[in-house]
Amino acid sequence: MPELEDVSYSFDECVAAVRDYYAFLAKMYMDESEIVDPPEGGWPSIVNAKPETLEGFGKTPEVLKLLAHLPYVREASDGHDVNSLPQARFAAWHEIFDWVNRDQREIGACKEMTEGCFRPFEVPHAVGLSRVDRWETTLILDTELGIIHYGGCPGPIRHNPSQEPILDDFYDYADEEDEADWHEAEWRADAPAFTIPAFFELLKDQFRELKFVPIGRRTVTDVYVTHIHPSMEGLIPMVQDIYRQHGWPDLDRYRKDECIAAVQKAIREKYPSEPCD
């Protein structure tokens, strides 16, 4: 397993990993039109953000550079957000900065909804990738260490990951006399960490194995759901079978449009109360 001393952050590698992940999702279930790429100079809302916004954000130039050049999934105007992983979506930072620049949101609240319980540590070189205002999944990308922490990681993934996690014990780097430092180490130790490329491969592996299961072009569930309403029993195995019947995970054989249509038809017939957009 990799150790922190063997890992380094690469801007180009990080952007490529995110772009490749979105391309993978588009091949499986997501509409390509939902994914937007930055203009050549970066997202204007971030590059030209107000000084007071940047001061309140409190992140390093490297974090800002990264956010300004990442592709994003659009924020849904109809309220039906596109999931990039089960019951969760990635933060569209270009839109978040636009809201803040127009005084529609406070930057502190935006940090809260993307960093969750990691927010109080005020780490300038780390940033939240996911929206955690309604869900437990907290993805913290650290540009100094070159890793992503998977907060809220399902137990089966944590205990048997398809990609190698970071070996280090984060308590080893904490100052026992500094309570805040110790609490940060506690959070990091509880959230498995991976190199940035390995993290996105881990997520793709879950989709390949149909442990993460799209039930439409926007909605993703998973096999790790612990509380399933009796009326929903059998839904996930049914959808998994439909994907396999349409060639998944062999991308040379997989028929995306036919598959998604078949999934939606089956859900509407057998589970009419379940959203399958």
Foldseek 3Di string as FASTA:
>chain_A
DAALVVAAFDLVVLQVLQVVLVVLLCLAFAPPVQKAFAPPVFQCLLVVFDPVLCVQLLADPVVSVSLRGHIAGDQDPVNQAFPSFAPWGWDNVSVVSVCVSVVNDHSLVVQCQQAPPLSVLSDRQKGGGIGNPPHQFTWIQGNGRQKIFTTPDQPVCVVPFPFDWHDDQLCVVADPVDPSSNVNSVRRNRTTMHHSNRVSVRRVVCVQVLQWPQLHNGHIHGPRDDDDDPLCPPLSVVLVVLQVVQPGPPSVRHDNVVSRVVSNVVCCVRPVVDDRD
